[in-house]
Amino acid sequence: MSDRNIKIESRNEHFSSRIQSKITCEKPSEDNEFLAEETRIHGYDVLDLMDNCDYLDTFYLLFRGELPTKAQKTLLQKLSVAIINLGPRHQSSRAAANAGIGRTDVNNILPIAIMAMSGSYGGSKEIENAMRFLKKSFKLLPKVIASEQLYSFPITLDEDWIVAPGFGTDFQGQSPYLINIVNKLSGVSPVNGYLNWAVNFVDSLPVNKNCGWRLAGLVASVLLDLNFEPREGGGVFQLLAGPGSFAHGIEFSNKPITDMPFLKDEDYIIKNG
């Protein structure tokens, strides 16, 4: 194609002359405008936050624009402890361990873990989807929604039964440990909030089929009770759960490659179609 036949059009967009942020305000140094003399997060001086607040206070402030109430901080604290280490079987930890034992530069282990944590099955995308499901269903009766979901998504025998994003079976069962976490969190969550709605939703699912909580449903419910939006939920989950995956990666970076399990040929299952 000749350059003479290319039609050039202006997008007629006027770009900002500087970065504008409602989150951060920096006061420039008098002798160098590229260096900050003072930094504020949603109006709070960071130096004052260092003296009067902790990490979770500032974490919540950064995303929500205000400091958490005592109840919100308690709920966030318990959630952050519960999911800081998803364990060596989680896909993000396995990815980090594989990177570490393969002698990947340690600076790349955490990004690899985060990427492996972003999927729609057991990852951050499932949490976003679960948050959207809960927001859509919240004003309706949990029992009615459970009946509709069970009708729309009949049981499957050869894989996990997902009745809604964040709810169903995990390894064709339901983790007792996860149920214990739910019990602890529900005691400090809003009485009429999303977590307790989800508790009633799970109670309406068939117990004899081990159908109930998945990790994404639990995390999604709590994040909604903390006023996070679905588009933020996945990233917040990654930030809270990332330390455990990174720790596994660092642990395996000092091990020989023979310490990583290697499946035998007969353990591989290849599905046709």
Foldseek 3Di string as FASTA:
>chain_A
DDPVPDDDDDPPDDDDPDDDDQAKDFDADPVDRVHGPWMDGLRHTVVVCVVPHDDLQVVLCNQPVHGDDPLLSVLVVLVLVVQQAPDCVQQLLVQLLVCLQVLNDLVCSLVSSLVSQPDCPNHLVLLLQLLVVLVVCLVDQLLVLLVVLCVVFPDDDPDWGDSGRFWTADVQAEDPVVVVSLVVSCVSFDPSFSSVSLVSNQVNDDVVRRIHGDPSNNQSRSVVSSVDHSVCRRVVSSVSHSNNSSVSSNVSNPPHPVVDDDDDPVPDDDDDD
